[in-house]
Structure formats: C-alpha cells, structure tokens
Amino acid sequence: MTFGVGAVLGGFPDLHQRWLLLSYGFLLTAPLLRLEWSALPLLMPGASMAEVNRVAVMQLGTLVAFGALLASRALDRRRRVPGLDGSWAPWPVLAAAHLAGGLALLRILSGPGWGGETGPLLAGYLAPFAVMYTVLLWRALTAEGWPREEWRIHLTALCLSPALSLGLSAPFARALHLDRPGALAAALAVGGGITAFLAVLTVSLRVMHARETVRRSGVVRPSGTAVSGTPDAGEHVTDDGTEPASDHPSEPAENASERGADNATDAIDATEKEPA
C-alpha cells in the first residue's frame, strides 16, 4: 500500500494500479483460505486439517500475486514504454534463474521435509506452480515490447522462489521452533510472496528508469537528431514521453508562414523605433 501511494504521488498511475492489485490480492488470501478449506478435502481425501492448511498456505500467496499480474497485463494495453531500452531480464539472467530454481526445487522435492503423506502435498504445491510457470514462459516467448519485459521479470522471480524458500526453511525451523513440514510450508509461502513483491518492485523501477531516461535525454532535441522510438526531432517531450499539445493544432502551413513573417516584421519595426 505504501508503494502504491508513492506511485500516485510520483505521477505513475500505471504503477499504482499494479501495487493496488497486488495489495488486494494479498488481502483476499483470508477469504480464499476459507474456500480452500472446503475444496481441498474433496481433492485430498483422508488428508488432515493440518495438511490441508499446509497446501493452502503454500499456494495462496503465489496464486493471488499471479492473478494480480494477469489483471495488470489485461488493463495495460501499451506495446512500448518511452525510454525503455534493452532488458533487465535477458536470457542469461533467465537461464541462471532457471538453474538456481531447478536445483532448489529438486532439493525441496527430494528432502524429508514433506512428512509422511508426500503425494498430495507435492501435488498441491507443484500443480499451481507448473501452471504459473507455463503461462509465464509462454508469454515471455511470444509477447513483444513492454509486455515481454514484464513477463520476463515475473518469470525470473517465480524461478527464484524455490531457492529463496529453501534458504528460509532452516531459519524458520530454528527460530520459530517448527517441525520440518511446517517450516517448509511456511518458507514456500513466504518465499513465493517475497519474490512476487520483488517482481512488482523491479517492474516499478524499470518504468521509473525509463521515465527518467526520457526526462534527461528527450526534453529538447535539435533538428536532425531524432531518436528511433521517441517523439520527432526538435519537439518538446513531457515527463510521460508524450508531446505537448500545439498552440495552433489545426493551423494550415501557409497561415503559420504568414504569422511568422508578421512577427518578424513587427520585430524589425520595433528595432527601428528604438532611440539610438
């Protein structure tokens, strides 16, 4: 919520929208937990209430953040953002995130932290993770421009969430005096939420950096120095990368020329009338 208010005060309504959706998503985890209490026992016959809670906790934080991302992308129709060059999540970064996340995921799945009934618990964690990963990877490969950059950033965050969760499980077990299954479930829930938050934060910094790039390099450019993808040369650029409205938007070219000649004549007459 704090970042959303800051985005409004800074003049970033698109970022405010993202933080607002993420905040509402986290707020909805409480009523969604009640729904999972009703639905998960049907999908996990014989599971105890503790196991149902573990599966629900592991899922909810990441799922609501994923829903907030889908809503943000549905509302943001821009194909490009002025000043956005390159990528903060290039393919080498994605490859490294996949490697770290894959190794951590293998360690989590092969570890003893799942307790006795591993099948339903593993399925409860892996099924939504696989769905989110498939959607993010597909959009990161098929989208173009600004949407692709945002999908890539969130894909990187999702891949890193198992690594962060694995690192948090041991401190949780020691500091909170939890058993290994409880510590692992808490770490997976917190790790997914933190990486989702960091993904939105990275997207926000990406947009702010692009806006600052436009402000510094595209305020006024001399004629003949236009940059591809930015407003035409010689024109002023506002903070959001758009061109200000012209004082004479519908004035014909010949009228503009006549007005320029009249202004020049007035200036000459005024100079001649000045005392020596």
C-alpha atoms as a PDB file:
ATOM      1  CA  MET A   1       0.000   0.000   0.000  1.00  0.00           C
ATOM      2  CA  THR A   2       2.882   2.363   0.780  1.00  0.00           C
ATOM      3  CA  PHE A   3       4.411   1.829  -2.636  1.00  0.00           C
ATOM      4  CA  GLY A   4       1.001   2.393  -4.252  1.00  0.00           C
ATOM      5  CA  VAL A   5       0.586   5.738  -2.514  1.00  0.00           C
ATOM      6  CA  GLY A   6       4.113   6.694  -3.514  1.00  0.00           C
ATOM      7  CA  ALA A   7       3.341   5.811  -7.131  1.00  0.00           C
ATOM      8  CA  VAL A   8       0.311   8.127  -7.097  1.00  0.00           C
ATOM      9  CA  LEU A   9       2.285  10.985  -5.581  1.00  0.00           C
ATOM     10  CA  GLY A  10       5.046  10.445  -8.126  1.00  0.00           C
ATOM     11  CA  GLY A  11       2.663  10.566 -11.075  1.00  0.00           C
ATOM     12  CA  PHE A  12       2.770   6.863 -12.006  1.00  0.00           C
ATOM     13  CA  PRO A  13      -0.857   5.706 -12.265  1.00  0.00           C
ATOM     14  CA  ASP A  14       0.160   2.501 -14.056  1.00  0.00           C
ATOM     15  CA  LEU A  15       2.421   1.508 -11.170  1.00  0.00           C
ATOM     16  CA  HIS A  16      -0.230   2.498  -8.629  1.00  0.00           C
ATOM     17  CA  GLN A  17      -2.573   0.107 -10.401  1.00  0.00           C
ATOM     18  CA  ARG A  18      -0.092  -2.750 -10.065  1.00  0.00           C
ATOM     19  CA  TRP A  19       0.550  -2.156  -6.370  1.00  0.00           C
ATOM     20  CA  LEU A  20      -3.171  -1.809  -5.714  1.00  0.00           C
ATOM     21  CA  LEU A  21      -3.937  -5.122  -7.401  1.00  0.00           C
ATOM     22  CA  LEU A  22      -1.149  -6.870  -5.509  1.00  0.00           C
ATOM     23  CA  SER A  23      -2.388  -5.437  -2.200  1.00  0.00           C
ATOM     24  CA  TYR A  24      -5.959  -6.530  -2.864  1.00  0.00           C
ATOM     25  CA  GLY A  25      -4.684  -9.952  -3.886  1.00  0.00           C
ATOM     26  CA  PHE A  26      -2.860 -10.446  -0.592  1.00  0.00           C
ATOM     27  CA  LEU A  27      -5.938  -9.155   1.217  1.00  0.00           C
ATOM     28  CA  LEU A  28      -8.059 -11.838  -0.466  1.00  0.00           C
ATOM     29  CA  THR A  29      -5.927 -14.671   0.928  1.00  0.00           C
ATOM     30  CA  ALA A  30      -8.108 -14.750   4.072  1.00  0.00           C
ATOM     31  CA  PRO A  31     -11.455 -15.437   2.324  1.00  0.00           C
ATOM     32  CA  LEU A  32      -9.748 -17.686  -0.241  1.00  0.00           C
ATOM     33  CA  LEU A  33      -8.376 -19.789   2.605  1.00  0.00           C
ATOM     34  CA  ARG A  34     -11.955 -20.495   3.702  1.00  0.00           C
ATOM     35  CA  LEU A  35     -12.777 -21.631   0.172  1.00  0.00           C
ATOM     36  CA  GLU A  36      -9.776 -23.945   0.117  1.00  0.00           C
ATOM     37  CA  TRP A  37     -10.898 -25.447   3.418  1.00  0.00           C
ATOM     38  CA  SER A  38     -13.994 -26.585   1.542  1.00  0.00           C
ATOM     39  CA  ALA A  39     -12.396 -27.563  -1.783  1.00  0.00           C
ATOM     40  CA  LEU A  40      -9.119 -29.225  -0.813  1.00  0.00           C
ATOM     41  CA  PRO A  41     -10.647 -32.042   1.296  1.00  0.00           C
ATOM     42  CA  LEU A  42     -12.528 -33.117  -1.837  1.00  0.00           C
ATOM     43  CA  LEU A  43      -9.274 -33.213  -3.819  1.00  0.00           C
ATOM     44  CA  MET A  44      -7.277 -34.759  -0.951  1.00  0.00           C
ATOM     45  CA  PRO A  45      -9.482 -37.453   0.604  1.00  0.00           C
ATOM     46  CA  GLY A  46      -8.303 -38.503   4.024  1.00  0.00           C
ATOM     47  CA  ALA A  47      -5.978 -35.528   4.486  1.00  0.00           C
ATOM     48  CA  SER A  48      -5.856 -33.990   7.927  1.00  0.00           C
ATOM     49  CA  MET A  49      -6.722 -30.367   8.561  1.00  0.00           C
ATOM     50  CA  ALA A  50      -3.040 -29.629   9.142  1.00  0.00           C
ATOM     51  CA  GLU A  51      -2.154 -30.988   5.686  1.00  0.00           C
ATOM     52  CA  VAL A  52      -4.983 -29.005   4.082  1.00  0.00           C
ATOM     53  CA  ASN A  53      -3.690 -25.857   5.741  1.00  0.00           C
ATOM     54  CA  ARG A  54      -0.144 -26.545   4.563  1.00  0.00           C
ATOM     55  CA  VAL A  55      -1.244 -26.924   0.951  1.00  0.00           C
ATOM     56  CA  ALA A  56      -3.416 -23.812   1.142  1.00  0.00           C
ATOM     57  CA  VAL A  57      -0.640 -21.723   2.668  1.00  0.00           C
ATOM     58  CA  MET A  58       1.864 -22.852   0.034  1.00  0.00           C
ATOM     59  CA  GLN A  59      -0.497 -21.915  -2.802  1.00  0.00           C
ATOM     60  CA  LEU A  60      -2.329 -18.769  -1.838  1.00  0.00           C
ATOM     61  CA  GLY A  61       0.409 -16.117  -1.775  1.00  0.00           C
ATOM     62  CA  THR A  62       1.792 -17.030  -5.184  1.00  0.00           C
ATOM     63  CA  LEU A  63      -1.628 -17.562  -6.751  1.00  0.00           C
ATOM     64  CA  VAL A  64      -3.034 -14.180  -5.748  1.00  0.00           C
ATOM     65  CA  ALA A  65       0.145 -12.460  -6.978  1.00  0.00           C
ATOM     66  CA  PHE A  66      -0.226 -14.303 -10.282  1.00  0.00           C
ATOM     67  CA  GLY A  67      -3.842 -13.165 -10.518  1.00  0.00           C
ATOM     68  CA  ALA A  68      -2.754  -9.573  -9.863  1.00  0.00           C
ATOM     69  CA  LEU A  69      -0.225  -9.877 -12.706  1.00  0.00           C
ATOM     70  CA  LEU A  70      -2.864 -11.167 -15.128  1.00  0.00           C
ATOM     71  CA  ALA A  71      -5.175  -8.296 -14.204  1.00  0.00           C
ATOM     72  CA  SER A  72      -2.373  -5.752 -14.624  1.00  0.00           C
ATOM     73  CA  ARG A  73      -1.469  -7.039 -18.062  1.00  0.00           C
ATOM     74  CA  ALA A  74      -5.133  -7.079 -19.122  1.00  0.00           C
ATOM     75  CA  LEU A  75      -5.503  -3.411 -18.145  1.00  0.00           C
ATOM     76  CA  ASP A  76      -2.185  -2.241 -19.603  1.00  0.00           C
ATOM     77  CA  ARG A  77      -2.557  -2.113 -23.396  1.00  0.00           C
ATOM     78  CA  ARG A  78       0.762  -0.405 -24.123  1.00  0.00           C
ATOM     79  CA  ARG A  79       3.105  -2.096 -26.568  1.00  0.00           C
ATOM     80  CA  ARG A  80       6.031   0.084 -25.586  1.00  0.00           C
ATOM     81  CA  VAL A  81       7.106   2.458 -22.846  1.00  0.00           C
ATOM     82  CA  PRO A  82       9.045   5.604 -23.871  1.00  0.00           C
ATOM     83  CA  GLY A  83      12.673   5.374 -22.784  1.00  0.00           C
ATOM     84  CA  LEU A  84      12.590   1.568 -22.367  1.00  0.00           C
ATOM     85  CA  ASP A  85      15.714   0.114 -23.965  1.00  0.00           C
ATOM     86  CA  GLY A  86      17.185  -3.331 -23.519  1.00  0.00           C
ATOM     87  CA  SER A  87      16.025  -5.731 -20.830  1.00  0.00           C
ATOM     88  CA  TRP A  88      16.591  -6.181 -17.122  1.00  0.00           C
ATOM     89  CA  ALA A  89      15.811  -9.883 -17.519  1.00  0.00           C
ATOM     90  CA  PRO A  90      17.850 -11.008 -20.564  1.00  0.00           C
ATOM     91  CA  TRP A  91      18.171 -14.647 -21.483  1.00  0.00           C
ATOM     92  CA  PRO A  92      21.417 -15.216 -19.465  1.00  0.00           C
ATOM     93  CA  VAL A  93      19.633 -13.953 -16.350  1.00  0.00           C
ATOM     94  CA  LEU A  94      16.646 -16.188 -17.088  1.00  0.00           C
ATOM     95  CA  ALA A  95      18.951 -19.168 -17.618  1.00  0.00           C
ATOM     96  CA  ALA A  96      20.710 -18.552 -14.290  1.00  0.00           C
ATOM     97  CA  ALA A  97      17.338 -18.186 -12.522  1.00  0.00           C
ATOM     98  CA  HIS A  98      16.138 -21.460 -14.068  1.00  0.00           C
ATOM     99  CA  LEU A  99      19.296 -23.241 -12.931  1.00  0.00           C
ATOM    100  CA  ALA A 100      19.093 -21.944  -9.356  1.00  0.00           C
ATOM    101  CA  GLY A 101      15.361 -22.580  -9.106  1.00  0.00           C
ATOM    102  CA  GLY A 102      15.599 -26.041 -10.637  1.00  0.00           C
ATOM    103  CA  LEU A 103      18.325 -27.177  -8.244  1.00  0.00           C
ATOM    104  CA  ALA A 104      16.435 -25.773  -5.263  1.00  0.00           C
ATOM    105  CA  LEU A 105      13.209 -27.418  -6.411  1.00  0.00           C
ATOM    106  CA  LEU A 106      14.921 -30.797  -6.721  1.00  0.00           C
ATOM    107  CA  ARG A 107      16.333 -30.394  -3.238  1.00  0.00           C
ATOM    108  CA  ILE A 108      12.904 -29.476  -1.844  1.00  0.00           C
ATOM    109  CA  LEU A 109      11.136 -32.385  -3.535  1.00  0.00           C
ATOM    110  CA  SER A 110      13.760 -34.949  -2.510  1.00  0.00           C
ATOM    111  CA  GLY A 111      14.143 -33.719   1.059  1.00  0.00           C
ATOM    112  CA  PRO A 112      12.492 -35.221   4.138  1.00  0.00           C
ATOM    113  CA  GLY A 113      10.520 -32.089   4.936  1.00  0.00           C
ATOM    114  CA  TRP A 114       7.220 -33.280   3.487  1.00  0.00           C
ATOM    115  CA  GLY A 115       6.363 -35.669   6.261  1.00  0.00           C
ATOM    116  CA  GLY A 116       4.596 -38.959   5.686  1.00  0.00           C
ATOM    117  CA  GLU A 117       1.944 -38.261   3.025  1.00  0.00           C
ATOM    118  CA  THR A 118       4.133 -36.780   0.308  1.00  0.00           C
ATOM    119  CA  GLY A 119       1.882 -37.410  -2.710  1.00  0.00           C
ATOM    120  CA  PRO A 120      -0.994 -34.959  -2.050  1.00  0.00           C
ATOM    121  CA  LEU A 121       1.323 -32.337  -0.585  1.00  0.00           C
ATOM    122  CA  LEU A 122       3.681 -32.437  -3.547  1.00  0.00           C
ATOM    123  CA  ALA A 123       0.775 -32.256  -5.970  1.00  0.00           C
ATOM    124  CA  GLY A 124      -0.739 -29.364  -4.047  1.00  0.00           C
ATOM    125  CA  TYR A 125       2.483 -27.386  -4.395  1.00  0.00           C
ATOM    126  CA  LEU A 126       3.607 -28.443  -7.874  1.00  0.00           C
ATOM    127  CA  ALA A 127       0.283 -28.196  -9.747  1.00  0.00           C
ATOM    128  CA  PRO A 128      -0.240 -24.410  -9.379  1.00  0.00           C
ATOM    129  CA  PHE A 129       3.498 -23.789  -9.723  1.00  0.00           C
ATOM    130  CA  ALA A 130       3.538 -25.664 -13.040  1.00  0.00           C
ATOM    131  CA  VAL A 131       0.512 -23.749 -14.335  1.00  0.00           C
ATOM    132  CA  MET A 132       2.019 -20.370 -13.450  1.00  0.00           C
ATOM    133  CA  TYR A 133       5.398 -21.316 -14.925  1.00  0.00           C
ATOM    134  CA  THR A 134       3.825 -22.487 -18.192  1.00  0.00           C
ATOM    135  CA  VAL A 135       1.818 -19.275 -18.643  1.00  0.00           C
ATOM    136  CA  LEU A 136       4.758 -17.009 -17.801  1.00  0.00           C
ATOM    137  CA  LEU A 137       7.155 -18.876 -20.089  1.00  0.00           C
ATOM    138  CA  TRP A 138       4.667 -18.845 -22.964  1.00  0.00           C
ATOM    139  CA  ARG A 139       4.048 -15.106 -22.658  1.00  0.00           C
ATOM    140  CA  ALA A 140       7.759 -14.356 -22.239  1.00  0.00           C
ATOM    141  CA  LEU A 141       8.436 -16.181 -25.512  1.00  0.00           C
ATOM    142  CA  THR A 142       5.529 -14.830 -27.559  1.00  0.00           C
ATOM    143  CA  ALA A 143       4.992 -11.252 -26.338  1.00  0.00           C
ATOM    144  CA  GLU A 144       6.835  -8.243 -27.731  1.00  0.00           C
ATOM    145  CA  GLY A 145       7.991  -4.903 -26.379  1.00  0.00           C
ATOM    146  CA  TRP A 146       6.963  -3.813 -22.902  1.00  0.00           C
ATOM    147  CA  PRO A 147       4.671  -6.816 -22.174  1.00  0.00           C
ATOM    148  CA  ARG A 148       7.549  -9.220 -22.822  1.00  0.00           C
ATOM    149  CA  GLU A 149       9.773  -7.338 -20.379  1.00  0.00           C
ATOM    150  CA  GLU A 150       7.184  -7.547 -17.617  1.00  0.00           C
ATOM    151  CA  TRP A 151       6.513 -11.251 -18.242  1.00  0.00           C
ATOM    152  CA  ARG A 152      10.252 -11.941 -18.150  1.00  0.00           C
ATOM    153  CA  ILE A 153      10.720 -10.177 -14.837  1.00  0.00           C
ATOM    154  CA  HIS A 154       7.912 -12.159 -13.224  1.00  0.00           C
ATOM    155  CA  LEU A 155       9.189 -15.406 -14.754  1.00  0.00           C
ATOM    156  CA  THR A 156      12.612 -14.756 -13.229  1.00  0.00           C
ATOM    157  CA  ALA A 157      11.014 -14.118  -9.835  1.00  0.00           C
ATOM    158  CA  LEU A 158       8.966 -17.313  -9.999  1.00  0.00           C
ATOM    159  CA  CYS A 159      12.050 -19.376 -10.870  1.00  0.00           C
ATOM    160  CA  LEU A 160      13.948 -17.921  -7.908  1.00  0.00           C
ATOM    161  CA  SER A 161      11.158 -18.524  -5.382  1.00  0.00           C
ATOM    162  CA  PRO A 162      12.141 -22.177  -4.622  1.00  0.00           C
ATOM    163  CA  ALA A 163      15.735 -21.097  -3.948  1.00  0.00           C
ATOM    164  CA  LEU A 164      14.607 -18.397  -1.529  1.00  0.00           C
ATOM    165  CA  SER A 165      12.151 -20.768   0.145  1.00  0.00           C
ATOM    166  CA  LEU A 166      14.830 -23.417   0.602  1.00  0.00           C
ATOM    167  CA  GLY A 167      17.090 -20.864   2.237  1.00  0.00           C
ATOM    168  CA  LEU A 168      14.331 -19.754   4.624  1.00  0.00           C
ATOM    169  CA  SER A 169      13.179 -23.204   5.769  1.00  0.00           C
ATOM    170  CA  ALA A 170      16.078 -23.907   8.150  1.00  0.00           C
ATOM    171  CA  PRO A 171      15.959 -20.481   9.905  1.00  0.00           C
ATOM    172  CA  PHE A 172      12.185 -20.823  10.258  1.00  0.00           C
ATOM    173  CA  ALA A 173      12.568 -24.238  11.878  1.00  0.00           C
ATOM    174  CA  ARG A 174      15.122 -22.962  14.379  1.00  0.00           C
ATOM    175  CA  ALA A 175      13.720 -19.519  15.159  1.00  0.00           C
ATOM    176  CA  LEU A 176      10.033 -20.478  15.287  1.00  0.00           C
ATOM    177  CA  HIS A 177      10.541 -23.993  16.712  1.00  0.00           C
ATOM    178  CA  LEU A 178       8.599 -25.592  13.864  1.00  0.00           C
ATOM    179  CA  ASP A 179       8.809 -29.161  12.681  1.00  0.00           C
ATOM    180  CA  ARG A 180      10.307 -29.678   9.240  1.00  0.00           C
ATOM    181  CA  PRO A 181       6.998 -29.976   7.345  1.00  0.00           C
ATOM    182  CA  GLY A 182       5.632 -26.831   8.976  1.00  0.00           C
ATOM    183  CA  ALA A 183       8.861 -24.891   8.391  1.00  0.00           C
ATOM    184  CA  LEU A 184       8.955 -25.928   4.730  1.00  0.00           C
ATOM    185  CA  ALA A 185       5.328 -24.935   4.156  1.00  0.00           C
ATOM    186  CA  ALA A 186       5.905 -21.547   5.798  1.00  0.00           C
ATOM    187  CA  ALA A 187       9.089 -20.989   3.792  1.00  0.00           C
ATOM    188  CA  LEU A 188       7.360 -21.809   0.498  1.00  0.00           C
ATOM    189  CA  ALA A 189       4.531 -19.417   1.314  1.00  0.00           C
ATOM    190  CA  VAL A 190       6.833 -16.571   2.362  1.00  0.00           C
ATOM    191  CA  GLY A 191       9.294 -17.180  -0.473  1.00  0.00           C
ATOM    192  CA  GLY A 192       6.565 -17.007  -3.115  1.00  0.00           C
ATOM    193  CA  GLY A 193       5.153 -13.799  -1.650  1.00  0.00           C
ATOM    194  CA  ILE A 194       8.542 -12.106  -1.361  1.00  0.00           C
ATOM    195  CA  THR A 195       9.596 -12.900  -4.924  1.00  0.00           C
ATOM    196  CA  ALA A 196       6.221 -11.705  -6.251  1.00  0.00           C
ATOM    197  CA  PHE A 197       6.656  -8.450  -4.325  1.00  0.00           C
ATOM    198  CA  LEU A 198      10.203  -8.046  -5.645  1.00  0.00           C
ATOM    199  CA  ALA A 199       8.964  -8.634  -9.196  1.00  0.00           C
ATOM    200  CA  VAL A 200       6.447  -5.783  -8.932  1.00  0.00           C
ATOM    201  CA  LEU A 201       9.144  -3.623  -7.348  1.00  0.00           C
ATOM    202  CA  THR A 202      11.510  -4.371 -10.248  1.00  0.00           C
ATOM    203  CA  VAL A 203       8.787  -3.529 -12.771  1.00  0.00           C
ATOM    204  CA  SER A 204       8.204  -0.229 -10.959  1.00  0.00           C
ATOM    205  CA  LEU A 205      11.903   0.650 -11.004  1.00  0.00           C
ATOM    206  CA  ARG A 206      12.034  -0.300 -14.697  1.00  0.00           C
ATOM    207  CA  VAL A 207       9.239   2.133 -15.567  1.00  0.00           C
ATOM    208  CA  MET A 208      10.692   4.883 -13.391  1.00  0.00           C
ATOM    209  CA  HIS A 209      14.107   4.431 -15.012  1.00  0.00           C
ATOM    210  CA  ALA A 210      12.533   4.700 -18.464  1.00  0.00           C
ATOM    211  CA  ARG A 211      10.694   7.887 -17.456  1.00  0.00           C
ATOM    212  CA  GLU A 212      13.902   9.387 -16.101  1.00  0.00           C
ATOM    213  CA  THR A 213      15.723   8.468 -19.326  1.00  0.00           C
ATOM    214  CA  VAL A 214      13.125  10.362 -21.350  1.00  0.00           C
ATOM    215  CA  ARG A 215      13.280  13.328 -18.998  1.00  0.00           C
ATOM    216  CA  ARG A 216      17.059  13.625 -19.184  1.00  0.00           C
ATOM    217  CA  SER A 217      17.704  12.890 -22.827  1.00  0.00           C
ATOM    218  CA  GLY A 218      14.491  13.812 -24.608  1.00  0.00           C
ATOM    219  CA  VAL A 219      13.429  17.218 -23.256  1.00  0.00           C
ATOM    220  CA  VAL A 220      14.540  19.185 -26.323  1.00  0.00           C
ATOM    221  CA  ARG A 221      16.428  17.831 -29.302  1.00  0.00           C
ATOM    222  CA  PRO A 222      17.810  19.900 -32.158  1.00  0.00           C
ATOM    223  CA  SER A 223      16.530  19.280 -35.633  1.00  0.00           C
ATOM    224  CA  GLY A 224      18.025  16.207 -37.263  1.00  0.00           C
ATOM    225  CA  THR A 225      18.796  14.350 -34.017  1.00  0.00           C
ATOM    226  CA  ALA A 226      15.626  12.325 -33.620  1.00  0.00           C
ATOM    227  CA  VAL A 227      15.986   9.041 -31.811  1.00  0.00           C
ATOM    228  CA  SER A 228      14.125   5.981 -33.038  1.00  0.00           C
ATOM    229  CA  GLY A 229      11.053   5.276 -30.937  1.00  0.00           C
ATOM    230  CA  THR A 230      10.898   8.768 -29.415  1.00  0.00           C
ATOM    231  CA  PRO A 231       8.988  11.890 -30.454  1.00  0.00           C
ATOM    232  CA  ASP A 232      10.107  13.754 -33.578  1.00  0.00           C
ATOM    233  CA  ALA A 233      13.240  15.847 -33.546  1.00  0.00           C
ATOM    234  CA  GLY A 234      13.038  19.419 -32.407  1.00  0.00           C
ATOM    235  CA  GLU A 235       9.897  18.864 -30.347  1.00  0.00           C
ATOM    236  CA  HIS A 236       9.418  19.102 -26.612  1.00  0.00           C
ATOM    237  CA  VAL A 237       8.679  15.970 -24.615  1.00  0.00           C
ATOM    238  CA  THR A 238       6.664  15.859 -21.423  1.00  0.00           C
ATOM    239  CA  ASP A 239       7.613  13.737 -18.430  1.00  0.00           C
ATOM    240  CA  ASP A 240       5.491  10.812 -19.605  1.00  0.00           C
ATOM    241  CA  GLY A 241       7.146  10.750 -23.032  1.00  0.00           C
ATOM    242  CA  THR A 242       4.287  12.356 -24.954  1.00  0.00           C
ATOM    243  CA  GLU A 243       4.274  15.559 -26.984  1.00  0.00           C
ATOM    244  CA  PRO A 244       2.512  18.618 -25.593  1.00  0.00           C
ATOM    245  CA  ALA A 245      -0.466  19.973 -27.462  1.00  0.00           C
ATOM    246  CA  SER A 246       0.376  22.573 -30.091  1.00  0.00           C
ATOM    247  CA  ASP A 247      -0.777  26.157 -29.626  1.00  0.00           C
ATOM    248  CA  HIS A 248      -2.138  26.039 -33.183  1.00  0.00           C
ATOM    249  CA  PRO A 249      -3.144  22.380 -33.725  1.00  0.00           C
ATOM    250  CA  SER A 250      -5.211  22.929 -36.874  1.00  0.00           C
ATOM    251  CA  GLU A 251      -3.397  25.913 -38.401  1.00  0.00           C
ATOM    252  CA  PRO A 252      -2.542  25.461 -42.111  1.00  0.00           C
ATOM    253  CA  ALA A 253       1.084  25.661 -43.127  1.00  0.00           C
ATOM    254  CA  GLU A 254       0.604  28.859 -45.174  1.00  0.00           C
ATOM    255  CA  ASN A 255      -1.058  30.622 -42.220  1.00  0.00           C
ATOM    256  CA  ALA A 256       1.809  29.604 -39.994  1.00  0.00           C
ATOM    257  CA  SER A 257       4.273  31.045 -42.514  1.00  0.00           C
ATOM    258  CA  GLU A 258       2.328  34.326 -42.730  1.00  0.00           C
ATOM    259  CA  ARG A 259       2.175  34.554 -38.951  1.00  0.00           C
ATOM    260  CA  GLY A 260       5.941  34.009 -38.760  1.00  0.00           C
ATOM    261  CA  ALA A 261       6.547  36.747 -41.356  1.00  0.00           C
ATOM    262  CA  ASP A 262       4.292  39.198 -39.471  1.00  0.00           C
ATOM    263  CA  ASN A 263       6.171  38.515 -36.255  1.00  0.00           C
ATOM    264  CA  ALA A 264       9.479  39.161 -37.975  1.00  0.00           C
ATOM    265  CA  THR A 265       8.166  42.459 -39.449  1.00  0.00           C
ATOM    266  CA  ASP A 266       6.935  43.608 -36.048  1.00  0.00           C
ATOM    267  CA  ALA A 267      10.332  42.878 -34.567  1.00  0.00           C
ATOM    268  CA  ILE A 268      12.106  44.945 -37.266  1.00  0.00           C
ATOM    269  CA  ASP A 269       9.705  47.880 -36.795  1.00  0.00           C
ATOM    270  CA  ALA A 270      10.260  47.834 -33.061  1.00  0.00           C
ATOM    271  CA  THR A 271      14.013  47.882 -33.557  1.00  0.00           C
ATOM    272  CA  GLU A 272      13.829  50.857 -35.943  1.00  0.00           C
ATOM    273  CA  LYS A 273      11.725  52.839 -33.443  1.00  0.00           C
ATOM    274  CA  GLU A 274      14.242  52.387 -30.621  1.00  0.00           C
ATOM    275  CA  PRO A 275      16.332  55.552 -29.894  1.00  0.00           C
ATOM    276  CA  ALA A 276      19.935  55.439 -30.938  1.00  0.00           C
END
